[in-house]
Amino acid sequence: MIIRRAGEEGKVHALALLDRAAEWLVERGRTGQWGTEKQSTSPRRLAQAQPWADSGGFYLAWNDDVPVGALVVGQAPAHIPPAGEPELYVNLLVTDRRHAGEGVGAAMLDYARDLARAQGVRLLRLDCYAGDDRALVAYYEKQGFSATETFSFEIRDTVWPGQVMQLRL
């Protein structure tokens, strides 16, 4: 697997990865995170995609010529409490469920750690869906992150529960 910077061309791959992840969630009755709609047609996702491409912090993981993961790092979004110190924030991490168990997500988080260290930053944060059985929170805990603040916001006429996670480097 190779991780490399993406730009404009990466948007379509990231949106396809999000679509496959959403389909996987729907198949398991886990619609609280992203609903039932395709992510590639969601106005919210489409609005996010261009800033990803322009950010300089957009990366794709490739297995041969197949994109298997997407990572976006940069500043924390406005709805997240400030860290109070320099940080690198994981704004997106999505992997291809067809490659589950191959360590794609862990490799991309390792890459984010390396990016943070290279910038002299000692704090890596992200936020994730904290609903249902908090399985995503548990995943990030297994990757070495600790839960900090919780938050919520209204999306699709429901309250979306979120969890901020941090990792000290």
N, C-alpha and C. Protein backbone atom coordinates (compact mmCIF):
# COMPACT_ATOMS: atom_id res chain seq x y z
N MET A 1 0.85 -1.17 0.00
CA MET A 1 0.00 0.00 0.00
C MET A 1 0.90 1.24 0.00
N ILE A 2 0.51 2.21 -0.80
CA ILE A 2 1.22 3.49 -0.90
C ILE A 2 0.23 4.60 -0.56
N ILE A 3 0.68 5.54 0.26
CA ILE A 3 -0.13 6.72 0.58
C ILE A 3 0.53 7.91 -0.09
N ARG A 4 -0.26 8.65 -0.87
CA ARG A 4 0.30 9.83 -1.51
C ARG A 4 -0.72 10.96 -1.56
N ARG A 5 -0.18 12.16 -1.66
CA ARG A 5 -1.02 13.36 -1.68
C ARG A 5 -1.99 13.29 -2.86
N ALA A 6 -3.19 13.75 -2.60
CA ALA A 6 -4.21 13.82 -3.65
C ALA A 6 -4.57 15.28 -3.87
N GLY A 7 -5.18 15.54 -4.97
CA GLY A 7 -5.66 16.87 -5.30
C GLY A 7 -7.04 16.76 -5.90
N GLU A 8 -7.25 17.52 -6.92
CA GLU A 8 -8.55 17.57 -7.60
C GLU A 8 -9.02 16.18 -8.01
N GLU A 9 -8.11 15.37 -8.54
CA GLU A 9 -8.48 14.04 -9.02
C GLU A 9 -8.90 13.10 -7.89
N GLY A 10 -8.52 13.43 -6.66
CA GLY A 10 -8.84 12.57 -5.54
C GLY A 10 -10.28 12.66 -5.07
N LYS A 11 -10.95 13.75 -5.42
CA LYS A 11 -12.33 13.94 -4.94
C LYS A 11 -13.24 12.77 -5.33
N VAL A 12 -13.18 12.37 -6.57
CA VAL A 12 -14.07 11.30 -7.03
C VAL A 12 -13.77 9.99 -6.30
N HIS A 13 -12.50 9.74 -6.01
CA HIS A 13 -12.13 8.52 -5.29
C HIS A 13 -12.62 8.57 -3.83
N ALA A 14 -12.43 9.71 -3.18
CA ALA A 14 -12.88 9.84 -1.79
C ALA A 14 -14.39 9.70 -1.69
N LEU A 15 -15.12 10.31 -2.62
CA LEU A 15 -16.58 10.21 -2.60
C LEU A 15 -17.03 8.77 -2.86
N ALA A 16 -16.33 8.06 -3.74
CA ALA A 16 -16.67 6.65 -3.99
C ALA A 16 -16.40 5.81 -2.74
N LEU A 17 -15.30 6.09 -2.04
CA LEU A 17 -15.02 5.37 -0.80
C LEU A 17 -16.10 5.65 0.24
N LEU A 18 -16.53 6.90 0.32
CA LEU A 18 -17.61 7.25 1.25
C LEU A 18 -18.91 6.55 0.87
N ASP A 19 -19.19 6.44 -0.43
CA ASP A 19 -20.40 5.73 -0.87
C ASP A 19 -20.35 4.27 -0.43
N ARG A 20 -19.21 3.62 -0.63
CA ARG A 20 -19.10 2.21 -0.25
C ARG A 20 -19.21 2.03 1.26
N ALA A 21 -18.63 2.95 2.01
CA ALA A 21 -18.73 2.87 3.48
C ALA A 21 -20.18 3.07 3.92
N ALA A 22 -20.88 4.01 3.30
CA ALA A 22 -22.28 4.26 3.64
C ALA A 22 -23.14 3.04 3.29
N GLU A 23 -22.89 2.42 2.14
CA GLU A 23 -23.63 1.21 1.77
C GLU A 23 -23.42 0.11 2.80
N TRP A 24 -22.19 -0.05 3.24
CA TRP A 24 -21.86 -1.06 4.25
C TRP A 24 -22.62 -0.78 5.54
N LEU A 25 -22.66 0.49 5.96
CA LEU A 25 -23.41 0.86 7.17
C LEU A 25 -24.90 0.57 7.01
N VAL A 26 -25.46 0.93 5.87
CA VAL A 26 -26.89 0.70 5.63
C VAL A 26 -27.21 -0.79 5.65
N GLU A 27 -26.35 -1.60 5.03
CA GLU A 27 -26.56 -3.06 5.02
C GLU A 27 -26.63 -3.64 6.43
N ARG A 28 -26.01 -2.97 7.37
CA ARG A 28 -25.99 -3.43 8.75
C ARG A 28 -27.00 -2.68 9.63
N GLY A 29 -27.86 -1.89 9.02
CA GLY A 29 -28.87 -1.15 9.77
C GLY A 29 -28.30 0.00 10.58
N ARG A 30 -27.11 0.45 10.25
CA ARG A 30 -26.43 1.51 11.00
C ARG A 30 -26.54 2.82 10.22
N THR A 31 -27.73 3.37 10.18
CA THR A 31 -27.97 4.56 9.37
C THR A 31 -27.80 5.86 10.13
N GLY A 32 -27.53 5.81 11.41
CA GLY A 32 -27.39 7.03 12.20
C GLY A 32 -26.20 7.88 11.82
N GLN A 33 -25.14 7.24 11.34
CA GLN A 33 -23.91 7.98 11.04
C GLN A 33 -24.06 8.84 9.80
N TRP A 34 -24.50 8.25 8.69
CA TRP A 34 -24.55 8.99 7.43
C TRP A 34 -25.89 8.87 6.71
N GLY A 35 -26.89 8.29 7.34
CA GLY A 35 -28.18 8.15 6.68
C GLY A 35 -28.16 7.05 5.65
N THR A 36 -29.05 7.14 4.68
CA THR A 36 -29.19 6.10 3.67
C THR A 36 -28.84 6.58 2.27
N GLU A 37 -28.55 7.85 2.13
CA GLU A 37 -28.27 8.42 0.81
C GLU A 37 -26.82 8.20 0.39
N LYS A 38 -26.58 8.22 -0.91
CA LYS A 38 -25.21 8.16 -1.42
C LYS A 38 -24.47 9.42 -0.98
N GLN A 39 -23.29 9.26 -0.50
CA GLN A 39 -22.48 10.40 -0.07
C GLN A 39 -22.05 11.26 -1.25
N SER A 40 -21.88 10.64 -2.41
CA SER A 40 -21.42 11.36 -3.59
C SER A 40 -22.47 12.29 -4.17
N THR A 41 -23.70 12.21 -3.68
CA THR A 41 -24.75 13.13 -4.14
C THR A 41 -25.22 14.04 -3.01
N SER A 42 -24.65 13.91 -1.84
CA SER A 42 -25.01 14.73 -0.70
C SER A 42 -24.47 16.15 -0.88
N PRO A 43 -25.32 17.17 -0.83
CA PRO A 43 -24.82 18.54 -0.96
C PRO A 43 -23.75 18.88 0.09
N ARG A 44 -23.89 18.35 1.29
CA ARG A 44 -22.90 18.60 2.33
C ARG A 44 -21.54 17.99 1.96
N ARG A 45 -21.55 16.75 1.49
CA ARG A 45 -20.29 16.10 1.09
C ARG A 45 -19.66 16.78 -0.12
N LEU A 46 -20.50 17.12 -1.08
CA LEU A 46 -19.97 17.79 -2.27
C LEU A 46 -19.33 19.12 -1.91
N ALA A 47 -19.93 19.82 -0.96
CA ALA A 47 -19.35 21.10 -0.51
C ALA A 47 -18.03 20.88 0.22
N GLN A 48 -17.84 19.73 0.85
CA GLN A 48 -16.59 19.43 1.54
C GLN A 48 -15.48 19.01 0.58
N ALA A 49 -15.85 18.40 -0.53
CA ALA A 49 -14.86 17.78 -1.42
C ALA A 49 -13.88 18.78 -2.02
N GLN A 50 -14.34 19.93 -2.45
CA GLN A 50 -13.41 20.89 -3.06
C GLN A 50 -12.39 21.41 -2.05
N PRO A 51 -12.83 21.80 -0.84
CA PRO A 51 -11.82 22.20 0.15
C PRO A 51 -10.81 21.09 0.46
N TRP A 52 -11.24 19.82 0.43
CA TRP A 52 -10.29 18.73 0.62
C TRP A 52 -9.21 18.81 -0.45
N ALA A 53 -9.66 18.92 -1.70
CA ALA A 53 -8.73 18.93 -2.83
C ALA A 53 -7.78 20.11 -2.77
N ASP A 54 -8.26 21.24 -2.26
CA ASP A 54 -7.46 22.47 -2.21
C ASP A 54 -6.59 22.57 -0.96
N SER A 55 -6.77 21.69 0.00
CA SER A 55 -6.20 21.86 1.34
C SER A 55 -4.70 21.61 1.45
N GLY A 56 -4.16 20.77 0.60
CA GLY A 56 -2.77 20.36 0.77
C GLY A 56 -2.62 19.25 1.79
N GLY A 57 -3.72 18.88 2.45
CA GLY A 57 -3.69 17.83 3.46
C GLY A 57 -4.56 16.64 3.08
N PHE A 58 -4.72 16.41 1.80
CA PHE A 58 -5.60 15.37 1.27
C PHE A 58 -4.72 14.25 0.71
N TYR A 59 -4.96 13.02 1.21
CA TYR A 59 -4.15 11.88 0.82
C TYR A 59 -5.04 10.69 0.48
N LEU A 60 -4.56 9.88 -0.46
CA LEU A 60 -5.22 8.63 -0.79
C LEU A 60 -4.25 7.48 -0.56
N ALA A 61 -4.77 6.37 -0.06
CA ALA A 61 -4.00 5.13 0.05
C ALA A 61 -4.34 4.28 -1.16
N TRP A 62 -3.31 3.73 -1.76
CA TRP A 62 -3.48 2.93 -2.98
C TRP A 62 -2.95 1.52 -2.74
N ASN A 63 -3.71 0.54 -3.19
CA ASN A 63 -3.28 -0.85 -3.23
C ASN A 63 -3.21 -1.18 -4.71
N ASP A 64 -2.00 -1.25 -5.24
CA ASP A 64 -1.77 -1.31 -6.69
C ASP A 64 -2.38 -0.03 -7.28
N ASP A 65 -3.32 -0.14 -8.19
CA ASP A 65 -3.93 1.05 -8.80
C ASP A 65 -5.32 1.31 -8.25
N VAL A 66 -5.64 0.75 -7.10
CA VAL A 66 -6.98 0.88 -6.52
C VAL A 66 -6.91 1.74 -5.27
N PRO A 67 -7.71 2.83 -5.21
CA PRO A 67 -7.74 3.63 -3.98
C PRO A 67 -8.49 2.86 -2.89
N VAL A 68 -7.83 2.71 -1.73
CA VAL A 68 -8.43 1.93 -0.64
C VAL A 68 -8.68 2.76 0.61
N GLY A 69 -8.29 4.02 0.59
CA GLY A 69 -8.52 4.88 1.74
C GLY A 69 -8.30 6.33 1.40
N ALA A 70 -8.95 7.20 2.17
CA ALA A 70 -8.77 8.65 2.02
C ALA A 70 -8.57 9.26 3.39
N LEU A 71 -7.70 10.25 3.44
CA LEU A 71 -7.35 10.95 4.66
C LEU A 71 -7.26 12.44 4.35
N VAL A 72 -7.88 13.25 5.20
CA VAL A 72 -7.74 14.70 5.10
C VAL A 72 -7.33 15.20 6.47
N VAL A 73 -6.22 15.94 6.52
CA VAL A 73 -5.74 16.52 7.77
C VAL A 73 -5.60 18.03 7.60
N GLY A 74 -5.74 18.73 8.71
CA GLY A 74 -5.60 20.18 8.69
C GLY A 74 -6.04 20.78 10.01
N GLN A 75 -6.87 21.81 9.92
CA GLN A 75 -7.39 22.50 11.10
C GLN A 75 -8.69 21.84 11.56
N ALA A 76 -8.98 21.98 12.84
CA ALA A 76 -10.24 21.46 13.39
C ALA A 76 -11.40 22.26 12.81
N PRO A 77 -12.54 21.61 12.57
CA PRO A 77 -13.72 22.35 12.11
C PRO A 77 -14.24 23.28 13.20
N ALA A 78 -15.04 24.25 12.79
CA ALA A 78 -15.51 25.30 13.69
C ALA A 78 -16.34 24.76 14.86
N HIS A 79 -17.02 23.62 14.68
CA HIS A 79 -17.88 23.11 15.75
C HIS A 79 -17.12 22.34 16.84
N ILE A 80 -15.82 22.21 16.69
CA ILE A 80 -15.00 21.48 17.65
C ILE A 80 -14.32 22.45 18.60
N PRO A 81 -14.38 22.20 19.92
CA PRO A 81 -13.68 23.09 20.87
C PRO A 81 -12.19 23.18 20.54
N PRO A 82 -11.62 24.38 20.62
CA PRO A 82 -10.19 24.53 20.31
C PRO A 82 -9.31 23.69 21.24
N ALA A 83 -8.18 23.26 20.72
CA ALA A 83 -7.26 22.42 21.49
C ALA A 83 -6.47 23.21 22.51
N GLY A 84 -6.23 24.47 22.26
CA GLY A 84 -5.43 25.27 23.18
C GLY A 84 -3.94 25.08 22.99
N GLU A 85 -3.55 24.35 21.95
CA GLU A 85 -2.15 24.13 21.61
C GLU A 85 -2.10 23.72 20.14
N PRO A 86 -0.93 23.79 19.53
CA PRO A 86 -0.84 23.36 18.13
C PRO A 86 -1.27 21.90 17.97
N GLU A 87 -1.95 21.65 16.89
CA GLU A 87 -2.43 20.29 16.63
C GLU A 87 -2.52 20.05 15.13
N LEU A 88 -2.65 18.79 14.78
CA LEU A 88 -3.05 18.40 13.45
C LEU A 88 -4.38 17.66 13.63
N TYR A 89 -5.34 17.99 12.81
CA TYR A 89 -6.69 17.45 12.96
C TYR A 89 -7.03 16.55 11.78
N VAL A 90 -7.50 15.36 12.06
CA VAL A 90 -7.96 14.44 11.02
C VAL A 90 -9.41 14.81 10.72
N ASN A 91 -9.63 15.39 9.55
CA ASN A 91 -10.97 15.81 9.14
C ASN A 91 -11.74 14.72 8.42
N LEU A 92 -11.02 13.77 7.85
CA LEU A 92 -11.66 12.65 7.16
C LEU A 92 -10.73 11.45 7.20
N LEU A 93 -11.29 10.32 7.53
CA LEU A 93 -10.62 9.03 7.37
C LEU A 93 -11.69 8.05 6.94
N VAL A 94 -11.54 7.51 5.76
CA VAL A 94 -12.49 6.51 5.27
C VAL A 94 -11.69 5.46 4.52
N THR A 95 -12.08 4.21 4.72
CA THR A 95 -11.41 3.11 4.04
C THR A 95 -12.43 2.28 3.29
N ASP A 96 -11.93 1.55 2.32
CA ASP A 96 -12.77 0.69 1.51
C ASP A 96 -13.10 -0.57 2.31
N ARG A 97 -14.35 -0.79 2.61
CA ARG A 97 -14.76 -1.94 3.42
C ARG A 97 -14.39 -3.26 2.74
N ARG A 98 -14.17 -3.25 1.44
CA ARG A 98 -13.74 -4.48 0.76
C ARG A 98 -12.33 -4.88 1.18
N HIS A 99 -11.63 -3.95 1.84
CA HIS A 99 -10.27 -4.22 2.32
C HIS A 99 -10.20 -4.18 3.84
N ALA A 100 -11.35 -4.43 4.47
CA ALA A 100 -11.40 -4.46 5.94
C ALA A 100 -10.44 -5.51 6.46
N GLY A 101 -9.79 -5.20 7.57
CA GLY A 101 -8.87 -6.14 8.20
C GLY A 101 -7.47 -6.11 7.62
N GLU A 102 -7.23 -5.26 6.62
CA GLU A 102 -5.91 -5.17 6.00
C GLU A 102 -5.06 -4.05 6.59
N GLY A 103 -5.59 -3.35 7.59
CA GLY A 103 -4.81 -2.31 8.25
C GLY A 103 -4.74 -0.98 7.52
N VAL A 104 -5.66 -0.75 6.60
CA VAL A 104 -5.63 0.50 5.83
C VAL A 104 -5.84 1.70 6.75
N GLY A 105 -6.86 1.64 7.59
CA GLY A 105 -7.12 2.75 8.51
C GLY A 105 -5.97 3.00 9.45
N ALA A 106 -5.40 1.95 10.02
CA ALA A 106 -4.27 2.08 10.93
C ALA A 106 -3.08 2.69 10.22
N ALA A 107 -2.82 2.28 8.98
CA ALA A 107 -1.70 2.84 8.21
C ALA A 107 -1.91 4.32 7.94
N MET A 108 -3.14 4.69 7.66
CA MET A 108 -3.41 6.11 7.38
C MET A 108 -3.29 6.94 8.66
N LEU A 109 -3.70 6.39 9.78
CA LEU A 109 -3.52 7.11 11.05
C LEU A 109 -2.03 7.21 11.40
N ASP A 110 -1.26 6.18 11.11
CA ASP A 110 0.19 6.26 11.30
C ASP A 110 0.78 7.37 10.43
N TYR A 111 0.28 7.47 9.21
CA TYR A 111 0.73 8.52 8.30
C TYR A 111 0.40 9.90 8.88
N ALA A 112 -0.80 10.05 9.44
CA ALA A 112 -1.18 11.32 10.06
C ALA A 112 -0.27 11.63 11.24
N ARG A 113 0.09 10.62 12.03
CA ARG A 113 1.03 10.81 13.13
C ARG A 113 2.37 11.34 12.61
N ASP A 114 2.85 10.72 11.52
CA ASP A 114 4.13 11.15 10.94
C ASP A 114 4.04 12.59 10.42
N LEU A 115 2.92 12.94 9.81
CA LEU A 115 2.74 14.32 9.33
C LEU A 115 2.78 15.30 10.50
N ALA A 116 2.11 14.95 11.59
CA ALA A 116 2.10 15.82 12.77
C ALA A 116 3.50 15.99 13.32
N ARG A 117 4.21 14.89 13.47
CA ARG A 117 5.59 14.96 13.99
C ARG A 117 6.48 15.81 13.09
N ALA A 118 6.31 15.65 11.79
CA ALA A 118 7.12 16.43 10.84
C ALA A 118 6.84 17.93 10.96
N GLN A 119 5.65 18.28 11.40
CA GLN A 119 5.28 19.68 11.61
C GLN A 119 5.64 20.15 13.02
N GLY A 120 6.21 19.27 13.82
CA GLY A 120 6.56 19.62 15.20
C GLY A 120 5.35 19.70 16.11
N VAL A 121 4.27 19.05 15.72
CA VAL A 121 3.02 19.07 16.49
C VAL A 121 2.96 17.81 17.33
N ARG A 122 2.52 17.95 18.56
CA ARG A 122 2.48 16.81 19.48
C ARG A 122 1.06 16.37 19.84
N LEU A 123 0.07 16.92 19.13
CA LEU A 123 -1.33 16.55 19.39
C LEU A 123 -2.02 16.26 18.07
N LEU A 124 -2.60 15.08 17.98
CA LEU A 124 -3.40 14.67 16.82
C LEU A 124 -4.83 14.46 17.33
N ARG A 125 -5.77 15.16 16.71
CA ARG A 125 -7.16 15.00 17.13
C ARG A 125 -8.04 14.68 15.93
N LEU A 126 -9.22 14.16 16.24
CA LEU A 126 -10.24 13.86 15.24
C LEU A 126 -11.57 13.81 15.96
N ASP A 127 -12.63 13.76 15.19
CA ASP A 127 -13.94 13.51 15.79
C ASP A 127 -14.61 12.41 15.00
N CYS A 128 -15.53 11.73 15.66
CA CYS A 128 -16.22 10.62 15.02
C CYS A 128 -17.64 10.48 15.56
N TYR A 129 -18.39 9.67 14.85
CA TYR A 129 -19.76 9.35 15.25
C TYR A 129 -19.73 8.56 16.55
N ALA A 130 -20.53 9.00 17.51
CA ALA A 130 -20.54 8.35 18.83
C ALA A 130 -21.87 7.67 19.13
N GLY A 131 -22.68 7.48 18.11
CA GLY A 131 -23.98 6.86 18.34
C GLY A 131 -23.93 5.35 18.27
N ASP A 132 -25.13 4.77 18.29
CA ASP A 132 -25.29 3.32 18.27
C ASP A 132 -24.50 2.71 19.43
N ASP A 133 -23.60 1.81 19.15
CA ASP A 133 -22.85 1.13 20.20
C ASP A 133 -21.46 1.73 20.41
N ARG A 134 -21.22 2.92 19.86
CA ARG A 134 -19.93 3.62 19.97
C ARG A 134 -18.79 2.79 19.39
N ALA A 135 -19.09 1.97 18.39
CA ALA A 135 -18.06 1.12 17.78
C ALA A 135 -16.94 1.93 17.16
N LEU A 136 -17.27 3.07 16.57
CA LEU A 136 -16.22 3.89 15.96
C LEU A 136 -15.31 4.50 17.02
N VAL A 137 -15.89 4.91 18.13
CA VAL A 137 -15.09 5.41 19.25
C VAL A 137 -14.14 4.30 19.72
N ALA A 138 -14.64 3.10 19.85
CA ALA A 138 -13.82 1.96 20.29
C ALA A 138 -12.69 1.69 19.29
N TYR A 139 -12.97 1.83 17.99
CA TYR A 139 -11.92 1.63 16.98
C TYR A 139 -10.78 2.61 17.21
N TYR A 140 -11.12 3.89 17.39
CA TYR A 140 -10.06 4.89 17.58
C TYR A 140 -9.33 4.69 18.91
N GLU A 141 -10.02 4.21 19.92
CA GLU A 141 -9.34 3.89 21.18
C GLU A 141 -8.31 2.78 20.96
N LYS A 142 -8.66 1.79 20.14
CA LYS A 142 -7.71 0.71 19.82
C LYS A 142 -6.50 1.24 19.04
N GLN A 143 -6.69 2.39 18.38
CA GLN A 143 -5.59 3.00 17.63
C GLN A 143 -4.77 3.94 18.50
N GLY A 144 -5.09 4.01 19.80
CA GLY A 144 -4.30 4.80 20.73
C GLY A 144 -4.90 6.14 21.11
N PHE A 145 -6.05 6.48 20.57
CA PHE A 145 -6.70 7.76 20.87
C PHE A 145 -7.50 7.64 22.17
N SER A 146 -7.69 8.78 22.83
CA SER A 146 -8.52 8.87 24.03
C SER A 146 -9.70 9.79 23.76
N ALA A 147 -10.84 9.43 24.31
CA ALA A 147 -12.04 10.26 24.15
C ALA A 147 -11.91 11.50 25.04
N THR A 148 -12.29 12.65 24.49
CA THR A 148 -12.30 13.90 25.27
C THR A 148 -13.72 14.45 25.26
N GLU A 149 -13.95 15.57 24.60
CA GLU A 149 -15.27 16.20 24.61
C GLU A 149 -16.27 15.48 23.71
N THR A 150 -17.53 15.55 24.12
CA THR A 150 -18.62 15.12 23.26
C THR A 150 -19.28 16.37 22.69
N PHE A 151 -19.99 16.20 21.61
CA PHE A 151 -20.73 17.29 20.99
C PHE A 151 -21.87 16.69 20.20
N SER A 152 -22.75 17.51 19.73
CA SER A 152 -23.82 17.04 18.86
C SER A 152 -24.26 18.19 17.96
N PHE A 153 -24.84 17.84 16.84
CA PHE A 153 -25.45 18.85 15.99
C PHE A 153 -26.59 18.22 15.21
N GLU A 154 -27.45 19.08 14.72
CA GLU A 154 -28.62 18.60 14.01
C GLU A 154 -28.27 18.40 12.54
N ILE A 155 -28.59 17.22 12.05
CA ILE A 155 -28.37 16.89 10.64
C ILE A 155 -29.47 15.91 10.23
N ARG A 156 -30.01 16.14 9.09
CA ARG A 156 -31.09 15.29 8.57
C ARG A 156 -32.22 15.13 9.59
N ASP A 157 -32.63 16.22 10.22
CA ASP A 157 -33.74 16.22 11.18
C ASP A 157 -33.53 15.30 12.38
N THR A 158 -32.29 15.07 12.73
CA THR A 158 -31.99 14.28 13.90
C THR A 158 -30.74 14.85 14.57
N VAL A 159 -30.49 14.44 15.78
CA VAL A 159 -29.30 14.89 16.49
C VAL A 159 -28.19 13.87 16.26
N TRP A 160 -27.06 14.35 15.76
CA TRP A 160 -25.90 13.52 15.46
C TRP A 160 -24.93 13.61 16.63
N PRO A 161 -24.69 12.50 17.35
CA PRO A 161 -23.77 12.54 18.49
C PRO A 161 -22.32 12.34 18.04
N GLY A 162 -21.46 13.23 18.51
CA GLY A 162 -20.06 13.15 18.13
C GLY A 162 -19.14 13.04 19.33
N GLN A 163 -17.96 12.53 19.08
CA GLN A 163 -16.95 12.37 20.12
C GLN A 163 -15.62 12.90 19.56
N VAL A 164 -14.99 13.80 20.31
CA VAL A 164 -13.65 14.24 19.96
C VAL A 164 -12.66 13.25 20.57
N MET A 165 -11.67 12.88 19.80
CA MET A 165 -10.65 11.93 20.22
C MET A 165 -9.29 12.63 20.08
N GLN A 166 -8.36 12.30 20.97
CA GLN A 166 -7.01 12.88 20.85
C GLN A 166 -5.94 11.83 21.10
N LEU A 167 -4.80 12.12 20.53
CA LEU A 167 -3.62 11.27 20.70
C LEU A 167 -2.42 12.18 20.90
N ARG A 168 -1.77 12.03 22.03
CA ARG A 168 -0.55 12.80 22.31
C ARG A 168 0.62 12.04 21.67
N LEU A 169 1.45 12.78 20.98
CA LEU A 169 2.60 12.17 20.27
C LEU A 169 3.89 12.39 21.03
